[in-house]
Protein backbone atom coordinates (compact mmCIF):
# COMPACT_ATOMS: atom_id res chain seq x y z
CA MET A 1 112.81 155.94 165.59
CA ASN A 2 116.16 154.95 166.87
CA PHE A 3 117.45 151.74 165.33
CA ASN A 4 119.70 151.06 168.36
CA GLN A 5 116.75 150.51 170.69
CA PHE A 6 115.72 147.27 168.89
CA THR A 7 117.07 143.91 169.89
CA TYR A 8 119.16 141.80 167.53
CA ARG A 9 116.22 139.49 166.94
CA GLN A 10 113.98 142.40 165.91
CA LYS A 11 116.73 143.88 163.74
CA ASN A 12 117.14 140.52 161.96
CA ARG A 13 113.38 140.25 161.37
CA TYR A 14 113.22 143.75 159.86
CA LEU A 15 116.28 142.98 157.77
CA LEU A 16 114.69 139.74 156.54
CA ILE A 17 111.39 141.48 155.71
CA GLY A 18 113.26 144.27 153.91
CA THR A 19 115.27 141.73 151.93
CA LEU A 20 112.10 139.90 150.89
CA VAL A 21 110.40 143.13 149.82
CA PHE A 22 113.51 144.16 147.87
CA ALA A 23 113.72 140.70 146.19
CA LEU A 24 110.01 140.86 145.28
CA ILE A 25 110.37 144.32 143.75
CA ALA A 26 113.55 143.28 141.90
CA TYR A 27 111.80 140.15 140.55
CA MET A 28 108.72 142.05 139.40
CA THR A 29 110.69 144.77 137.64
CA THR A 30 113.61 142.96 136.03
CA ILE A 31 113.89 139.24 136.62
CA SER A 32 110.34 138.33 135.49
CA ASN A 33 110.99 140.00 132.13
CA THR A 34 114.17 137.97 131.75
CA VAL A 35 112.34 134.72 132.58
CA HIS A 36 109.59 135.51 130.04
CA LEU A 37 112.15 136.37 127.38
CA TYR A 38 114.04 133.14 128.12
CA SER A 39 110.89 131.01 127.67
CA ASP A 40 109.97 132.92 124.47
CA ASN A 41 113.49 132.34 123.18
CA ASN A 42 113.23 128.57 123.83
CA ARG A 43 109.82 128.46 122.12
CA LEU A 44 111.15 130.32 119.07
CA LEU A 45 114.23 128.07 118.90
CA ALA A 46 111.92 125.05 118.87
CA LYS A 47 109.95 126.61 115.98
CA ILE A 48 113.20 127.26 114.10
CA GLY A 49 114.18 123.62 114.63
CA LYS A 50 110.85 122.48 113.18
CA ALA A 51 111.21 124.91 110.28
CA GLU A 52 114.68 123.56 109.49
CA ASN A 53 113.28 120.00 109.38
CA ALA A 54 110.22 121.05 107.36
CA PRO A 55 111.62 120.19 103.90
CA VAL A 56 112.42 116.66 105.05
CA ALA A 57 108.98 116.30 106.65
CA ILE A 58 107.27 117.68 103.54
CA ALA A 59 109.18 115.24 101.33
CA GLY A 60 108.16 112.36 103.59
CA LEU A 61 104.52 113.44 103.54
CA ARG A 62 104.59 113.80 99.75
CA GLN A 63 106.08 110.34 99.43
CA SER A 64 103.42 108.80 101.68
CA LEU A 65 100.71 110.69 99.75
CA GLU A 66 102.12 109.35 96.49
CA GLY A 67 102.07 105.83 97.91
CA LEU A 68 98.46 106.22 99.00
CA ASN A 69 97.52 107.62 95.60
CA ASN A 70 99.19 104.64 93.90
CA LYS A 71 97.16 102.26 96.05
CA LEU A 72 94.00 104.23 95.36
CA ASN A 73 94.64 104.32 91.60
CA HIS A 74 94.26 100.53 91.50
CA TYR A 75 90.63 100.95 92.53
CA LEU A 76 89.82 104.02 90.47
CA ILE A 77 87.24 103.38 87.82
CA ASP A 78 88.19 103.70 84.19
CA THR A 79 85.51 105.70 82.40
CA THR A 80 85.68 103.33 79.43
CA LYS A 81 84.93 100.33 81.66
CA ASP A 82 81.45 101.28 82.75
CA GLN A 83 78.45 99.10 83.59
CA GLN A 84 77.88 98.11 79.95
CA HIS A 85 81.47 96.91 79.64
CA LEU A 86 81.09 94.88 82.83
CA LEU A 87 77.99 93.20 81.44
CA GLU A 88 79.75 92.41 78.15
CA VAL A 89 82.78 90.86 79.88
CA VAL A 90 80.69 88.80 82.29
CA SER A 91 78.21 87.58 79.66
CA GLU A 92 81.00 86.61 77.23
CA PHE A 93 82.90 84.72 79.94
CA CYS A 94 79.69 83.01 81.12
CA HIS A 95 78.86 81.95 77.57
CA GLN A 96 82.34 80.43 77.08
CA HIS A 97 82.37 78.59 80.43
CA LYS A 98 78.73 77.45 80.65
CA LEU A 99 77.78 79.81 83.49
CA THR A 100 74.42 81.51 83.88
CA VAL A 101 73.93 85.15 84.83
CA LYS A 102 70.94 85.06 87.17
CA GLU A 103 70.70 88.79 87.80
CA LEU A 104 71.94 91.66 85.70
CA PRO A 105 74.62 93.80 87.34
CA GLN A 106 73.10 96.29 89.76
CA ARG A 107 74.86 99.49 90.72
CA LYS A 108 74.86 100.95 94.21
CA ILE A 109 76.45 104.37 94.59
CA SER A 110 77.54 105.83 97.91
CA LYS A 111 79.09 109.29 98.07
CA GLU A 112 81.60 110.46 100.63
CA LYS A 113 83.32 113.83 100.97
CA ASP A 114 86.10 113.42 98.42
CA PHE A 115 85.14 110.24 96.58
CA THR A 116 82.29 108.08 95.35
CA ILE A 117 82.18 104.29 95.77
CA ILE A 118 80.34 102.42 93.03
CA THR A 119 79.40 98.85 93.96
CA SER A 120 78.26 96.43 91.26
CA VAL A 121 76.41 93.29 92.36
CA LEU A 122 76.44 90.17 90.14
CA LYS A 123 74.61 86.88 90.72
CA ILE A 124 76.03 83.99 88.65
CA GLU A 125 75.25 80.28 88.66
CA GLY A 126 77.47 77.38 87.60
CA ASN A 127 80.13 74.97 88.78
CA TYR A 128 82.74 75.95 91.34
CA ASN A 129 85.86 75.94 89.13
CA ASN A 130 84.29 78.10 86.43
CA LEU A 131 83.00 80.54 89.02
CA LEU A 132 86.51 80.84 90.47
CA GLN A 133 87.89 81.47 86.98
CA LEU A 134 85.33 84.26 86.56
CA LEU A 135 86.46 85.85 89.83
CA HIS A 136 90.06 85.76 88.65
CA GLU A 137 89.05 87.24 85.31
CA LEU A 138 87.15 90.09 86.94
CA GLU A 139 89.79 91.08 89.45
CA TYR A 140 93.14 90.40 87.78
CA THR A 141 92.75 90.00 84.03
CA GLN A 142 90.07 92.60 83.25
CA LYS A 143 90.68 94.69 86.38
CA LEU A 144 87.08 95.81 86.49
CA GLY A 145 87.30 96.72 90.16
CA ARG A 146 88.09 95.41 93.59
CA LEU A 147 86.33 92.26 94.70
CA SER A 148 85.03 93.43 98.04
CA SER A 149 82.91 90.37 98.80
CA VAL A 150 81.85 87.04 97.34
CA SER A 151 78.99 85.03 98.74
CA TRP A 152 78.58 81.35 97.82
CA LYS A 153 75.18 79.70 98.14
CA SER A 154 73.56 76.54 96.94
CA TYR A 155 69.96 75.43 96.61
CA VAL A 156 68.11 72.41 95.33
CA ASP A 157 66.43 73.01 91.99
CA THR A 158 62.93 71.56 92.29
CA LYS A 159 62.59 70.85 88.56
CA THR A 160 65.84 68.93 88.08
CA LYS A 161 66.23 67.76 91.71
CA LYS A 162 69.92 68.81 91.60
CA THR A 163 71.93 71.06 93.89
CA VAL A 164 72.88 74.27 92.13
CA LEU A 165 75.74 76.55 93.21
CA TYR A 166 75.64 80.29 92.68
CA MET A 167 77.73 83.18 93.82
CA VAL A 168 76.99 86.82 94.50
CA VAL A 169 79.92 89.09 93.63
CA TYR A 170 80.39 92.64 94.93
CA LEU A 171 82.80 94.66 92.75
CA GLN A 172 83.78 98.11 93.98
CA ASN A 173 85.24 101.07 92.10
CA ILE A 174 86.20 104.49 93.38
CA THR A 175 85.87 107.84 91.66
CA VAL A 176 87.49 110.92 93.11
CA ASN A 177 85.14 113.88 93.36
CA THR A 178 86.61 117.03 91.88
CA LYS A 179 85.04 120.42 91.27
CA GLN A 180 84.38 119.39 87.65
CA ASN A 181 82.52 116.18 88.66
CA GLU A 182 80.14 117.95 91.03
């Protein structure tokens, strides 16, 4: 095959095809490895950057965990303040302020993965101001739990023909489940 017998157009086409084949072979053998190594290098540099900032991030996470634990500790139940203690506090307060306990405290327990929520339900009858004082006593003075709900209702007593106010109080406490508790 004599290269001189081709026209310039054909020579340019063969030259272009040869250049493309050479560029493809050069890319597959050397340049693609360089591109892969460049992307791996960038990925590893990003990991190093995250690792350098890890102590700061860990400190921030520990601080937020501590804040959440402090908030949770307010609602953790004290083992000395169990159901009997709740009944004593409520009955003593009711006796002093002329309130009537209509139903004894009931306990409802719901368990989650890492904690248990204990809900105590109280039904107390009396006048509005004394009932409000009892709520304050339960939540802030005695700190027997978190007041999750209070329901106010009134009815007409058929014997005395008077309207009577009563409230239903839902107090919640949280216990953290540990391996020892289970």
